[in-house]
Amino acid sequence: MATSLDAQKIEDALRQRLDARMDSVRELVRSRQELDDAKAMLKAAGDEDVRRWNAALTAGWTPDELRTAGLAEPEKKARVRKRATRRNTPDQAPSPEASPVGQPA
């Protein structure tokens, strides 16, 4: 006895599953965008805080006076140092004493 397959019914069921999966990705993208926006706003607020701290110093306040008033110094951003490129020179060649035991230098 042959069974009858309803192509439209199968396609509809698969489309519902696909739509649910796509909805989850849409929500994830929306969430990531909100996170990126919040990070940008936080950076802008931090930059403004540093600008205003410096303005207070320019106006004559000392860091100690501001700290005493309850205003902590803005967090300093970590500076990224460039790594020096490593160059091998003949002076840096391994010495014969450094070769593994049992292998000729």
N, C-alpha and C. Protein backbone atom coordinates (compact mmCIF):
# COMPACT_ATOMS: atom_id res chain seq x y z
N MET A 1 0.84 -1.16 0.00
CA MET A 1 0.00 0.00 0.00
C MET A 1 0.90 1.24 0.00
N ALA A 2 0.73 2.07 -0.94
CA ALA A 2 1.55 3.26 -1.07
C ALA A 2 0.96 4.39 -0.22
N THR A 3 1.87 5.13 0.43
CA THR A 3 1.42 6.26 1.22
C THR A 3 1.49 7.52 0.38
N SER A 4 0.59 8.40 0.60
CA SER A 4 0.54 9.65 -0.15
C SER A 4 1.24 10.74 0.66
N LEU A 5 2.17 11.40 0.03
CA LEU A 5 2.89 12.49 0.67
C LEU A 5 2.27 13.81 0.24
N ASP A 6 2.00 14.65 1.19
CA ASP A 6 1.47 15.98 0.89
C ASP A 6 2.63 16.96 0.90
N ALA A 7 3.09 17.33 -0.29
CA ALA A 7 4.27 18.20 -0.42
C ALA A 7 4.04 19.55 0.24
N GLN A 8 2.86 20.09 0.09
CA GLN A 8 2.57 21.40 0.67
C GLN A 8 2.63 21.35 2.19
N LYS A 9 2.10 20.28 2.77
CA LYS A 9 2.09 20.12 4.23
C LYS A 9 3.53 20.01 4.75
N ILE A 10 4.36 19.26 4.06
CA ILE A 10 5.77 19.10 4.46
C ILE A 10 6.50 20.44 4.33
N GLU A 11 6.27 21.12 3.22
CA GLU A 11 6.94 22.40 3.01
C GLU A 11 6.52 23.41 4.08
N ASP A 12 5.25 23.44 4.43
CA ASP A 12 4.77 24.36 5.46
C ASP A 12 5.41 24.07 6.82
N ALA A 13 5.52 22.79 7.15
CA ALA A 13 6.13 22.41 8.43
C ALA A 13 7.60 22.82 8.47
N LEU A 14 8.31 22.58 7.37
CA LEU A 14 9.72 22.96 7.32
C LEU A 14 9.88 24.48 7.34
N ARG A 15 8.98 25.19 6.67
CA ARG A 15 9.07 26.65 6.65
C ARG A 15 8.85 27.22 8.06
N GLN A 16 7.94 26.63 8.82
CA GLN A 16 7.72 27.09 10.20
C GLN A 16 8.98 26.91 11.04
N ARG A 17 9.62 25.77 10.86
CA ARG A 17 10.86 25.53 11.61
C ARG A 17 11.95 26.51 11.18
N LEU A 18 12.05 26.76 9.89
CA LEU A 18 13.05 27.69 9.38
C LEU A 18 12.76 29.11 9.86
N ASP A 19 11.49 29.50 9.85
CA ASP A 19 11.12 30.83 10.34
C ASP A 19 11.51 31.01 11.80
N ALA A 20 11.28 29.97 12.60
CA ALA A 20 11.63 30.05 14.03
C ALA A 20 13.15 30.21 14.19
N ARG A 21 13.90 29.51 13.38
CA ARG A 21 15.36 29.62 13.45
C ARG A 21 15.81 31.02 13.01
N MET A 22 15.21 31.55 11.96
CA MET A 22 15.56 32.88 11.49
C MET A 22 15.18 33.94 12.52
N ASP A 23 14.05 33.76 13.19
CA ASP A 23 13.66 34.71 14.24
C ASP A 23 14.71 34.78 15.34
N SER A 24 15.28 33.62 15.71
CA SER A 24 16.30 33.63 16.76
C SER A 24 17.55 34.39 16.30
N VAL A 25 17.89 34.28 15.03
CA VAL A 25 19.05 35.00 14.52
C VAL A 25 18.75 36.50 14.45
N ARG A 26 17.54 36.86 14.06
CA ARG A 26 17.17 38.28 14.03
C ARG A 26 17.27 38.89 15.42
N GLU A 27 16.80 38.17 16.42
CA GLU A 27 16.88 38.66 17.80
C GLU A 27 18.34 38.78 18.25
N LEU A 28 19.17 37.82 17.86
CA LEU A 28 20.59 37.88 18.21
C LEU A 28 21.25 39.09 17.57
N VAL A 29 20.96 39.35 16.30
CA VAL A 29 21.53 40.51 15.61
C VAL A 29 21.08 41.79 16.29
N ARG A 30 19.81 41.88 16.64
CA ARG A 30 19.28 43.07 17.32
C ARG A 30 19.99 43.27 18.66
N SER A 31 20.18 42.18 19.39
CA SER A 31 20.86 42.26 20.69
C SER A 31 22.31 42.70 20.54
N ARG A 32 23.00 42.16 19.54
CA ARG A 32 24.40 42.55 19.31
C ARG A 32 24.50 44.02 18.93
N GLN A 33 23.54 44.51 18.15
CA GLN A 33 23.56 45.91 17.77
C GLN A 33 23.36 46.79 18.99
N GLU A 34 22.44 46.40 19.86
CA GLU A 34 22.20 47.16 21.09
C GLU A 34 23.46 47.17 21.95
N LEU A 35 24.15 46.04 22.02
CA LEU A 35 25.39 45.95 22.79
C LEU A 35 26.45 46.87 22.20
N ASP A 36 26.62 46.84 20.88
CA ASP A 36 27.59 47.72 20.23
C ASP A 36 27.26 49.18 20.48
N ASP A 37 25.97 49.53 20.40
CA ASP A 37 25.55 50.90 20.66
C ASP A 37 25.87 51.31 22.10
N ALA A 38 25.60 50.41 23.04
CA ALA A 38 25.87 50.71 24.45
C ALA A 38 27.37 50.90 24.68
N LYS A 39 28.20 50.07 24.04
CA LYS A 39 29.65 50.21 24.18
C LYS A 39 30.11 51.57 23.63
N ALA A 40 29.55 51.97 22.50
CA ALA A 40 29.91 53.25 21.91
C ALA A 40 29.50 54.40 22.83
N MET A 41 28.31 54.29 23.43
CA MET A 41 27.86 55.33 24.35
C MET A 41 28.75 55.38 25.60
N LEU A 42 29.15 54.22 26.10
CA LEU A 42 30.03 54.17 27.27
C LEU A 42 31.38 54.80 26.95
N LYS A 43 31.92 54.51 25.77
CA LYS A 43 33.20 55.10 25.37
C LYS A 43 33.07 56.62 25.27
N ALA A 44 31.99 57.09 24.67
CA ALA A 44 31.78 58.53 24.53
C ALA A 44 31.65 59.19 25.90
N ALA A 45 30.95 58.55 26.82
CA ALA A 45 30.79 59.09 28.17
C ALA A 45 32.14 59.12 28.89
N GLY A 46 32.95 58.08 28.70
CA GLY A 46 34.27 58.05 29.32
C GLY A 46 35.17 59.14 28.76
N ASP A 47 35.11 59.35 27.45
CA ASP A 47 35.90 60.41 26.83
C ASP A 47 35.48 61.78 27.35
N GLU A 48 34.18 61.97 27.51
CA GLU A 48 33.67 63.25 28.03
C GLU A 48 34.11 63.46 29.48
N ASP A 49 34.10 62.38 30.26
CA ASP A 49 34.54 62.46 31.65
C ASP A 49 36.00 62.89 31.73
N VAL A 50 36.84 62.31 30.88
CA VAL A 50 38.26 62.69 30.86
C VAL A 50 38.41 64.15 30.45
N ARG A 51 37.64 64.58 29.46
CA ARG A 51 37.70 65.97 29.01
C ARG A 51 37.32 66.93 30.15
N ARG A 52 36.28 66.58 30.88
CA ARG A 52 35.85 67.45 31.97
C ARG A 52 36.82 67.40 33.15
N TRP A 53 37.44 66.26 33.41
CA TRP A 53 38.47 66.15 34.45
C TRP A 53 39.62 67.09 34.11
N ASN A 54 40.06 67.03 32.85
CA ASN A 54 41.16 67.88 32.41
C ASN A 54 40.77 69.36 32.48
N ALA A 55 39.52 69.66 32.18
CA ALA A 55 39.04 71.04 32.27
C ALA A 55 39.10 71.52 33.72
N ALA A 56 38.76 70.65 34.67
CA ALA A 56 38.83 71.02 36.09
C ALA A 56 40.28 71.28 36.50
N LEU A 57 41.19 70.45 35.99
CA LEU A 57 42.61 70.66 36.30
C LEU A 57 43.10 71.98 35.70
N THR A 58 42.66 72.27 34.47
CA THR A 58 43.03 73.52 33.81
C THR A 58 42.48 74.72 34.57
N ALA A 59 41.31 74.54 35.19
CA ALA A 59 40.69 75.62 35.96
C ALA A 59 41.40 75.86 37.29
N GLY A 60 42.37 75.00 37.62
CA GLY A 60 43.15 75.25 38.83
C GLY A 60 43.00 74.21 39.93
N TRP A 61 42.11 73.27 39.77
CA TRP A 61 41.97 72.22 40.78
C TRP A 61 43.13 71.25 40.67
N THR A 62 43.53 70.70 41.81
CA THR A 62 44.57 69.67 41.80
C THR A 62 43.88 68.31 41.88
N PRO A 63 44.57 67.27 41.42
CA PRO A 63 43.98 65.92 41.54
C PRO A 63 43.65 65.57 42.99
N ASP A 64 44.50 65.97 43.94
CA ASP A 64 44.23 65.68 45.35
C ASP A 64 42.96 66.38 45.83
N GLU A 65 42.77 67.63 45.44
CA GLU A 65 41.55 68.35 45.83
C GLU A 65 40.31 67.67 45.27
N LEU A 66 40.38 67.25 44.04
CA LEU A 66 39.23 66.58 43.43
C LEU A 66 38.96 65.24 44.10
N ARG A 67 40.03 64.49 44.41
CA ARG A 67 39.85 63.21 45.11
C ARG A 67 39.25 63.41 46.48
N THR A 68 39.72 64.44 47.20
CA THR A 68 39.20 64.74 48.53
C THR A 68 37.71 65.06 48.46
N ALA A 69 37.29 65.68 47.36
CA ALA A 69 35.88 66.02 47.18
C ALA A 69 35.04 64.81 46.78
N GLY A 70 35.70 63.67 46.56
CA GLY A 70 34.97 62.45 46.20
C GLY A 70 34.97 62.15 44.71
N LEU A 71 35.78 62.86 43.96
CA LEU A 71 35.86 62.64 42.51
C LEU A 71 37.14 61.90 42.17
N ALA A 72 36.99 60.64 41.86
CA ALA A 72 38.16 59.82 41.52
C ALA A 72 38.66 60.19 40.13
N GLU A 73 39.95 60.03 39.94
CA GLU A 73 40.54 60.29 38.63
C GLU A 73 39.98 59.30 37.62
N PRO A 74 39.74 59.74 36.38
CA PRO A 74 39.21 58.81 35.37
C PRO A 74 40.18 57.66 35.15
N GLU A 75 39.60 56.52 34.81
CA GLU A 75 40.44 55.35 34.54
C GLU A 75 41.30 55.61 33.32
N LYS A 76 42.55 55.21 33.43
CA LYS A 76 43.45 55.39 32.30
C LYS A 76 43.29 54.20 31.36
N LYS A 77 43.31 54.50 30.09
CA LYS A 77 43.21 53.44 29.10
C LYS A 77 44.55 52.76 28.99
N ALA A 78 44.51 51.45 28.86
CA ALA A 78 45.74 50.69 28.70
C ALA A 78 46.33 51.01 27.33
N ARG A 79 47.59 51.35 27.34
CA ARG A 79 48.26 51.63 26.08
C ARG A 79 48.76 50.34 25.49
N VAL A 80 48.63 50.24 24.21
CA VAL A 80 49.10 49.05 23.51
C VAL A 80 50.48 49.35 22.95
N ARG A 81 51.43 48.53 23.36
CA ARG A 81 52.79 48.72 22.87
C ARG A 81 53.02 47.85 21.66
N LYS A 82 53.67 48.43 20.68
CA LYS A 82 54.03 47.63 19.52
C LYS A 82 55.16 46.70 19.92
N ARG A 83 55.06 45.49 19.46
CA ARG A 83 56.13 44.54 19.74
C ARG A 83 57.25 44.77 18.74
N ALA A 84 58.46 44.74 19.26
CA ALA A 84 59.61 44.90 18.39
C ALA A 84 59.74 43.65 17.52
N THR A 85 60.07 43.86 16.26
CA THR A 85 60.25 42.71 15.39
C THR A 85 61.56 42.03 15.75
N ARG A 86 61.51 40.76 15.74
CA ARG A 86 62.70 39.98 16.11
C ARG A 86 63.50 39.69 14.85
N ARG A 87 64.75 39.99 14.93
CA ARG A 87 65.63 39.75 13.79
C ARG A 87 66.72 38.79 14.23
N ASN A 88 66.91 37.77 13.44
CA ASN A 88 67.99 36.82 13.72
C ASN A 88 69.26 37.33 13.06
N THR A 89 70.28 37.46 13.85
CA THR A 89 71.57 37.88 13.33
C THR A 89 72.56 36.75 13.59
N PRO A 90 73.69 36.76 12.91
CA PRO A 90 74.68 35.70 13.15
C PRO A 90 75.11 35.63 14.61
N ASP A 91 75.07 36.76 15.33
CA ASP A 91 75.46 36.77 16.75
C ASP A 91 74.47 35.98 17.60
N GLN A 92 73.24 35.81 17.13
CA GLN A 92 72.21 35.13 17.90
C GLN A 92 72.10 33.65 17.55
N ALA A 93 72.99 33.15 16.71
CA ALA A 93 72.95 31.73 16.32
C ALA A 93 73.20 30.87 17.55
N PRO A 94 72.51 29.71 17.68
CA PRO A 94 72.70 28.86 18.85
C PRO A 94 74.13 28.34 18.93
N SER A 95 74.61 28.26 20.14
CA SER A 95 75.98 27.78 20.34
C SER A 95 76.00 26.25 20.26
N PRO A 96 77.15 25.67 19.97
CA PRO A 96 77.24 24.19 19.89
C PRO A 96 76.88 23.52 21.21
N GLU A 97 77.07 24.19 22.34
CA GLU A 97 76.75 23.61 23.63
C GLU A 97 75.23 23.44 23.79
N ALA A 98 74.46 24.21 23.06
CA ALA A 98 73.02 24.20 23.21
C ALA A 98 72.36 23.08 22.40
N SER A 99 73.14 22.33 21.58
CA SER A 99 72.53 21.28 20.77
C SER A 99 72.17 20.10 21.65
N PRO A 100 71.07 19.38 21.31
CA PRO A 100 70.63 18.25 22.11
C PRO A 100 71.69 17.16 22.21
N VAL A 101 71.63 16.42 23.29
CA VAL A 101 72.59 15.36 23.54
C VAL A 101 72.44 14.29 22.47
N GLY A 102 73.55 13.81 21.96
CA GLY A 102 73.54 12.73 20.99
C GLY A 102 73.46 13.24 19.56
N GLN A 103 73.33 14.52 19.38
CA GLN A 103 73.29 15.08 18.01
C GLN A 103 74.52 15.93 17.80
N PRO A 104 75.15 15.81 16.66
CA PRO A 104 76.32 16.63 16.41
C PRO A 104 75.94 18.10 16.25
N ALA A 105 76.87 18.94 16.64
CA ALA A 105 76.61 20.39 16.59
C ALA A 105 76.79 20.93 15.21
